[in-house]
Amino acid sequence: MSVEKDAERAALVREIADEVRAESSESKQLSAILYRVSDLYDPDEETSPEEIYLNVKYIFDVKEQGGIDR
């Protein structure tokens, strides 16, 4: 799957990520996922949907295990 690079779209997704980020762990988790998705559109980033899937899976695994700062 190829995604067309679009700096404006990447910026928009990152703006949304900033807006949803709050103090709750769920909002921080969602924000992190949105930032990873925005990398798909960033012309300066080389990533694939598969890499993002693995990163998101890692985010969920860390959350399930109690977080990084256990």
PDB file of N, CA and C in Angstrom:
ATOM      1  N   MET A   1       0.843  -1.180   0.000  1.00  0.00           N
ATOM      2  CA  MET A   1       0.000   0.000   0.000  1.00  0.00           C
ATOM      3  C   MET A   1       0.884   1.238   0.000  1.00  0.00           C
ATOM      4  N   SER A   2       0.610   2.122  -0.918  1.00  0.00           N
ATOM      5  CA  SER A   2       1.361   3.360  -1.025  1.00  0.00           C
ATOM      6  C   SER A   2       0.469   4.524  -0.617  1.00  0.00           C
ATOM      7  N   VAL A   3       1.004   5.393   0.223  1.00  0.00           N
ATOM      8  CA  VAL A   3       0.262   6.558   0.677  1.00  0.00           C
ATOM      9  C   VAL A   3       0.935   7.793   0.098  1.00  0.00           C
ATOM     10  N   GLU A   4       0.139   8.672  -0.482  1.00  0.00           N
ATOM     11  CA  GLU A   4       0.684   9.895  -1.057  1.00  0.00           C
ATOM     12  C   GLU A   4       1.165  10.826   0.051  1.00  0.00           C
ATOM     13  N   LYS A   5       2.391  11.304  -0.078  1.00  0.00           N
ATOM     14  CA  LYS A   5       2.950  12.217   0.913  1.00  0.00           C
ATOM     15  C   LYS A   5       2.246  13.563   0.795  1.00  0.00           C
ATOM     16  N   ASP A   6       1.912  14.148   1.931  1.00  0.00           N
ATOM     17  CA  ASP A   6       1.175  15.401   1.951  1.00  0.00           C
ATOM     18  C   ASP A   6       1.485  16.105   3.271  1.00  0.00           C
ATOM     19  N   ALA A   7       2.365  17.101   3.214  1.00  0.00           N
ATOM     20  CA  ALA A   7       2.800  17.800   4.428  1.00  0.00           C
ATOM     21  C   ALA A   7       1.633  18.457   5.156  1.00  0.00           C
ATOM     22  N   GLU A   8       0.671  18.983   4.418  1.00  0.00           N
ATOM     23  CA  GLU A   8      -0.485  19.614   5.061  1.00  0.00           C
ATOM     24  C   GLU A   8      -1.321  18.601   5.822  1.00  0.00           C
ATOM     25  N   ARG A   9      -1.503  17.427   5.246  1.00  0.00           N
ATOM     26  CA  ARG A   9      -2.269  16.375   5.924  1.00  0.00           C
ATOM     27  C   ARG A   9      -1.528  15.909   7.175  1.00  0.00           C
ATOM     28  N   ALA A  10      -0.212  15.754   7.071  1.00  0.00           N
ATOM     29  CA  ALA A  10       0.585  15.355   8.236  1.00  0.00           C
ATOM     30  C   ALA A  10       0.426  16.391   9.348  1.00  0.00           C
ATOM     31  N   ALA A  11       0.499  17.667   8.993  1.00  0.00           N
ATOM     32  CA  ALA A  11       0.351  18.737   9.987  1.00  0.00           C
ATOM     33  C   ALA A  11      -1.040  18.720  10.616  1.00  0.00           C
ATOM     34  N   LEU A  12      -2.071  18.468   9.815  1.00  0.00           N
ATOM     35  CA  LEU A  12      -3.432  18.414  10.330  1.00  0.00           C
ATOM     36  C   LEU A  12      -3.597  17.266  11.326  1.00  0.00           C
ATOM     37  N   VAL A  13      -3.086  16.105  10.991  1.00  0.00           N
ATOM     38  CA  VAL A  13      -3.201  14.954  11.903  1.00  0.00           C
ATOM     39  C   VAL A  13      -2.443  15.239  13.197  1.00  0.00           C
ATOM     40  N   ARG A  14      -1.282  15.884  13.099  1.00  0.00           N
ATOM     41  CA  ARG A  14      -0.512  16.228  14.308  1.00  0.00           C
ATOM     42  C   ARG A  14      -1.233  17.283  15.144  1.00  0.00           C
ATOM     43  N   GLU A  15      -1.910  18.202  14.481  1.00  0.00           N
ATOM     44  CA  GLU A  15      -2.692  19.206  15.205  1.00  0.00           C
ATOM     45  C   GLU A  15      -3.819  18.528  15.988  1.00  0.00           C
ATOM     46  N   ILE A  16      -4.478  17.575  15.366  1.00  0.00           N
ATOM     47  CA  ILE A  16      -5.530  16.820  16.051  1.00  0.00           C
ATOM     48  C   ILE A  16      -4.934  16.044  17.223  1.00  0.00           C
ATOM     49  N   ALA A  17      -3.762  15.448  17.015  1.00  0.00           N
ATOM     50  CA  ALA A  17      -3.095  14.716  18.099  1.00  0.00           C
ATOM     51  C   ALA A  17      -2.821  15.631  19.283  1.00  0.00           C
ATOM     52  N   ASP A  18      -2.391  16.851  19.009  1.00  0.00           N
ATOM     53  CA  ASP A  18      -2.148  17.815  20.088  1.00  0.00           C
ATOM     54  C   ASP A  18      -3.434  18.174  20.820  1.00  0.00           C
ATOM     55  N   GLU A  19      -4.526  18.300  20.068  1.00  0.00           N
ATOM     56  CA  GLU A  19      -5.810  18.671  20.662  1.00  0.00           C
ATOM     57  C   GLU A  19      -6.386  17.577  21.550  1.00  0.00           C
ATOM     58  N   VAL A  20      -6.206  16.315  21.182  1.00  0.00           N
ATOM     59  CA  VAL A  20      -6.795  15.235  21.984  1.00  0.00           C
ATOM     60  C   VAL A  20      -5.924  14.850  23.171  1.00  0.00           C
ATOM     61  N   ARG A  21      -4.674  15.265  23.150  1.00  0.00           N
ATOM     62  CA  ARG A  21      -3.766  14.905  24.247  1.00  0.00           C
ATOM     63  C   ARG A  21      -4.188  15.649  25.517  1.00  0.00           C
ATOM     64  N   ALA A  22      -4.356  14.890  26.561  1.00  0.00           N
ATOM     65  CA  ALA A  22      -4.704  15.440  27.873  1.00  0.00           C
ATOM     66  C   ALA A  22      -3.941  14.644  28.922  1.00  0.00           C
ATOM     67  N   GLU A  23      -4.356  14.745  30.145  1.00  0.00           N
ATOM     68  CA  GLU A  23      -3.645  14.069  31.235  1.00  0.00           C
ATOM     69  C   GLU A  23      -3.955  12.578  31.331  1.00  0.00           C
ATOM     70  N   SER A  24      -5.072  12.137  30.777  1.00  0.00           N
ATOM     71  CA  SER A  24      -5.412  10.719  30.903  1.00  0.00           C
ATOM     72  C   SER A  24      -4.485   9.869  30.042  1.00  0.00           C
ATOM     73  N   SER A  25      -4.235   8.679  30.480  1.00  0.00           N
ATOM     74  CA  SER A  25      -3.360   7.790  29.725  1.00  0.00           C
ATOM     75  C   SER A  25      -3.963   7.423  28.376  1.00  0.00           C
ATOM     76  N   GLU A  26      -5.291   7.351  28.326  1.00  0.00           N
ATOM     77  CA  GLU A  26      -5.950   7.021  27.065  1.00  0.00           C
ATOM     78  C   GLU A  26      -5.752   8.123  26.033  1.00  0.00           C
ATOM     79  N   SER A  27      -5.870   9.376  26.458  1.00  0.00           N
ATOM     80  CA  SER A  27      -5.689  10.475  25.502  1.00  0.00           C
ATOM     81  C   SER A  27      -4.234  10.579  25.063  1.00  0.00           C
ATOM     82  N   LYS A  28      -3.310  10.296  25.956  1.00  0.00           N
ATOM     83  CA  LYS A  28      -1.889  10.288  25.580  1.00  0.00           C
ATOM     84  C   LYS A  28      -1.612   9.162  24.588  1.00  0.00           C
ATOM     85  N   GLN A  29      -2.237   8.022  24.815  1.00  0.00           N
ATOM     86  CA  GLN A  29      -2.079   6.879  23.926  1.00  0.00           C
ATOM     87  C   GLN A  29      -2.639   7.196  22.539  1.00  0.00           C
ATOM     88  N   LEU A  30      -3.822   7.773  22.481  1.00  0.00           N
ATOM     89  CA  LEU A  30      -4.425   8.144  21.206  1.00  0.00           C
ATOM     90  C   LEU A  30      -3.566   9.182  20.485  1.00  0.00           C
ATOM     91  N   SER A  31      -3.053  10.133  21.211  1.00  0.00           N
ATOM     92  CA  SER A  31      -2.193  11.152  20.628  1.00  0.00           C
ATOM     93  C   SER A  31      -0.937  10.522  20.022  1.00  0.00           C
ATOM     94  N   ALA A  32      -0.333   9.589  20.723  1.00  0.00           N
ATOM     95  CA  ALA A  32       0.866   8.908  20.212  1.00  0.00           C
ATOM     96  C   ALA A  32       0.547   8.139  18.925  1.00  0.00           C
ATOM     97  N   ILE A  33      -0.595   7.502  18.898  1.00  0.00           N
ATOM     98  CA  ILE A  33      -1.001   6.755  17.700  1.00  0.00           C
ATOM     99  C   ILE A  33      -1.214   7.705  16.521  1.00  0.00           C
ATOM    100  N   LEU A  34      -1.876   8.829  16.774  1.00  0.00           N
ATOM    101  CA  LEU A  34      -2.102   9.799  15.700  1.00  0.00           C
ATOM    102  C   LEU A  34      -0.782  10.357  15.169  1.00  0.00           C
ATOM    103  N   TYR A  35       0.159  10.602  16.058  1.00  0.00           N
ATOM    104  CA  TYR A  35       1.469  11.077  15.598  1.00  0.00           C
ATOM    105  C   TYR A  35       2.127  10.050  14.691  1.00  0.00           C
ATOM    106  N   ARG A  36       2.031   8.779  15.056  1.00  0.00           N
ATOM    107  CA  ARG A  36       2.623   7.735  14.204  1.00  0.00           C
ATOM    108  C   ARG A  36       1.927   7.694  12.851  1.00  0.00           C
ATOM    109  N   VAL A  37       0.606   7.810  12.835  1.00  0.00           N
ATOM    110  CA  VAL A  37      -0.132   7.804  11.571  1.00  0.00           C
ATOM    111  C   VAL A  37       0.270   9.009  10.722  1.00  0.00           C
ATOM    112  N   SER A  38       0.496  10.141  11.347  1.00  0.00           N
ATOM    113  CA  SER A  38       0.873  11.346  10.588  1.00  0.00           C
ATOM    114  C   SER A  38       2.185  11.144   9.841  1.00  0.00           C
ATOM    115  N   ASP A  39       3.045  10.277  10.338  1.00  0.00           N
ATOM    116  CA  ASP A  39       4.324  10.002   9.660  1.00  0.00           C
ATOM    117  C   ASP A  39       4.114   9.422   8.264  1.00  0.00           C
ATOM    118  N   LEU A  40       2.980   8.764   8.046  1.00  0.00           N
ATOM    119  CA  LEU A  40       2.683   8.232   6.717  1.00  0.00           C
ATOM    120  C   LEU A  40       2.649   9.340   5.665  1.00  0.00           C
ATOM    121  N   TYR A  41       2.170  10.497   6.053  1.00  0.00           N
ATOM    122  CA  TYR A  41       1.967  11.598   5.117  1.00  0.00           C
ATOM    123  C   TYR A  41       3.141  12.573   5.067  1.00  0.00           C
ATOM    124  N   ASP A  42       4.024  12.506   6.046  1.00  0.00           N
ATOM    125  CA  ASP A  42       5.147  13.441   6.146  1.00  0.00           C
ATOM    126  C   ASP A  42       6.186  13.131   5.071  1.00  0.00           C
ATOM    127  N   PRO A  43       6.469  14.090   4.181  1.00  0.00           N
ATOM    128  CA  PRO A  43       7.459  13.852   3.124  1.00  0.00           C
ATOM    129  C   PRO A  43       8.860  13.570   3.661  1.00  0.00           C
ATOM    130  N   ASP A  44       9.137  13.988   4.893  1.00  0.00           N
ATOM    131  CA  ASP A  44      10.456  13.773   5.480  1.00  0.00           C
ATOM    132  C   ASP A  44      10.586  12.440   6.218  1.00  0.00           C
ATOM    133  N   GLU A  45       9.493  11.701   6.311  1.00  0.00           N
ATOM    134  CA  GLU A  45       9.497  10.419   7.023  1.00  0.00           C
ATOM    135  C   GLU A  45       9.423   9.255   6.047  1.00  0.00           C
ATOM    136  N   GLU A  46      10.159   8.230   6.336  1.00  0.00           N
ATOM    137  CA  GLU A  46      10.093   6.986   5.565  1.00  0.00           C
ATOM    138  C   GLU A  46       9.515   5.917   6.477  1.00  0.00           C
ATOM    139  N   THR A  47       8.245   5.641   6.301  1.00  0.00           N
ATOM    140  CA  THR A  47       7.591   4.619   7.115  1.00  0.00           C
ATOM    141  C   THR A  47       6.509   3.963   6.269  1.00  0.00           C
ATOM    142  N   SER A  48       6.034   2.851   6.739  1.00  0.00           N
ATOM    143  CA  SER A  48       5.004   2.111   6.012  1.00  0.00           C
ATOM    144  C   SER A  48       3.837   1.838   6.963  1.00  0.00           C
ATOM    145  N   PRO A  49       2.688   1.507   6.401  1.00  0.00           N
ATOM    146  CA  PRO A  49       1.560   1.130   7.261  1.00  0.00           C
ATOM    147  C   PRO A  49       1.916  -0.047   8.172  1.00  0.00           C
ATOM    148  N   GLU A  50       2.720  -0.959   7.673  1.00  0.00           N
ATOM    149  CA  GLU A  50       3.116  -2.117   8.486  1.00  0.00           C
ATOM    150  C   GLU A  50       3.947  -1.680   9.694  1.00  0.00           C
ATOM    151  N   GLU A  51       4.876  -0.736   9.478  1.00  0.00           N
ATOM    152  CA  GLU A  51       5.687  -0.244  10.592  1.00  0.00           C
ATOM    153  C   GLU A  51       4.825   0.480  11.618  1.00  0.00           C
ATOM    154  N   ILE A  52       3.880   1.242  11.130  1.00  0.00           N
ATOM    155  CA  ILE A  52       2.990   1.963  12.040  1.00  0.00           C
ATOM    156  C   ILE A  52       2.131   0.973  12.817  1.00  0.00           C
ATOM    157  N   TYR A  53       1.642  -0.051  12.153  1.00  0.00           N
ATOM    158  CA  TYR A  53       0.869  -1.088  12.844  1.00  0.00           C
ATOM    159  C   TYR A  53       1.689  -1.682  13.983  1.00  0.00           C
ATOM    160  N   LEU A  54       2.946  -2.010  13.711  1.00  0.00           N
ATOM    161  CA  LEU A  54       3.801  -2.591  14.751  1.00  0.00           C
ATOM    162  C   LEU A  54       4.046  -1.612  15.892  1.00  0.00           C
ATOM    163  N   ASN A  55       4.228  -0.330  15.567  1.00  0.00           N
ATOM    164  CA  ASN A  55       4.408   0.679  16.611  1.00  0.00           C
ATOM    165  C   ASN A  55       3.161   0.827  17.470  1.00  0.00           C
ATOM    166  N   VAL A  56       1.998   0.845  16.823  1.00  0.00           N
ATOM    167  CA  VAL A  56       0.742   0.968  17.560  1.00  0.00           C
ATOM    168  C   VAL A  56       0.530  -0.270  18.433  1.00  0.00           C
ATOM    169  N   LYS A  57       0.843  -1.433  17.901  1.00  0.00           N
ATOM    170  CA  LYS A  57       0.738  -2.659  18.694  1.00  0.00           C
ATOM    171  C   LYS A  57       1.637  -2.572  19.918  1.00  0.00           C
ATOM    172  N   TYR A  58       2.844  -2.031  19.739  1.00  0.00           N
ATOM    173  CA  TYR A  58       3.771  -1.855  20.858  1.00  0.00           C
ATOM    174  C   TYR A  58       3.177  -0.899  21.895  1.00  0.00           C
ATOM    175  N   ILE A  59       2.571   0.201  21.433  1.00  0.00           N
ATOM    176  CA  ILE A  59       1.942   1.155  22.355  1.00  0.00           C
ATOM    177  C   ILE A  59       0.883   0.449  23.201  1.00  0.00           C
ATOM    178  N   PHE A  60       0.047  -0.377  22.557  1.00  0.00           N
ATOM    179  CA  PHE A  60      -0.981  -1.111  23.295  1.00  0.00           C
ATOM    180  C   PHE A  60      -0.364  -2.134  24.243  1.00  0.00           C
ATOM    181  N   ASP A  61       0.694  -2.806  23.827  1.00  0.00           N
ATOM    182  CA  ASP A  61       1.354  -3.794  24.679  1.00  0.00           C
ATOM    183  C   ASP A  61       1.941  -3.129  25.928  1.00  0.00           C
ATOM    184  N   VAL A  62       2.583  -1.976  25.753  1.00  0.00           N
ATOM    185  CA  VAL A  62       3.157  -1.260  26.896  1.00  0.00           C
ATOM    186  C   VAL A  62       2.043  -0.853  27.851  1.00  0.00           C
ATOM    187  N   LYS A  63       0.946  -0.343  27.303  1.00  0.00           N
ATOM    188  CA  LYS A  63      -0.196   0.056  28.128  1.00  0.00           C
ATOM    189  C   LYS A  63      -0.734  -1.141  28.910  1.00  0.00           C
ATOM    190  N   GLU A  64      -0.873  -2.266  28.234  1.00  0.00           N
ATOM    191  CA  GLU A  64      -1.401  -3.474  28.875  1.00  0.00           C
ATOM    192  C   GLU A  64      -0.499  -3.951  30.012  1.00  0.00           C
ATOM    193  N   GLN A  65       0.807  -3.724  29.862  1.00  0.00           N
ATOM    194  CA  GLN A  65       1.769  -4.160  30.885  1.00  0.00           C
ATOM    195  C   GLN A  65       1.969  -3.137  31.991  1.00  0.00           C
ATOM    196  N   GLY A  66       1.218  -2.051  31.947  1.00  0.00           N
ATOM    197  CA  GLY A  66       1.302  -1.083  33.032  1.00  0.00           C
ATOM    198  C   GLY A  66       2.101   0.155  32.714  1.00  0.00           C
ATOM    199  N   GLY A  67       2.539   0.323  31.498  1.00  0.00           N
ATOM    200  CA  GLY A  67       3.259   1.524  31.111  1.00  0.00           C
ATOM    201  C   GLY A  67       4.780   1.362  31.166  1.00  0.00           C
ATOM    202  N   ILE A  68       5.444   2.356  30.671  1.00  0.00           N
ATOM    203  CA  ILE A  68       6.910   2.330  30.622  1.00  0.00           C
ATOM    204  C   ILE A  68       7.498   2.559  32.003  1.00  0.00           C
ATOM    205  N   ASP A  69       6.853   3.408  32.808  1.00  0.00           N
ATOM    206  CA  ASP A  69       7.382   3.792  34.115  1.00  0.00           C
ATOM    207  C   ASP A  69       6.951   2.892  35.254  1.00  0.00           C
ATOM    208  N   ARG A  70       6.738   1.633  34.977  1.00  0.00           N
ATOM    209  CA  ARG A  70       6.252   0.716  36.009  1.00  0.00           C
ATOM    210  C   ARG A  70       7.072   0.803  37.221  1.00  0.00           C
TER     211      ARG A  70
END
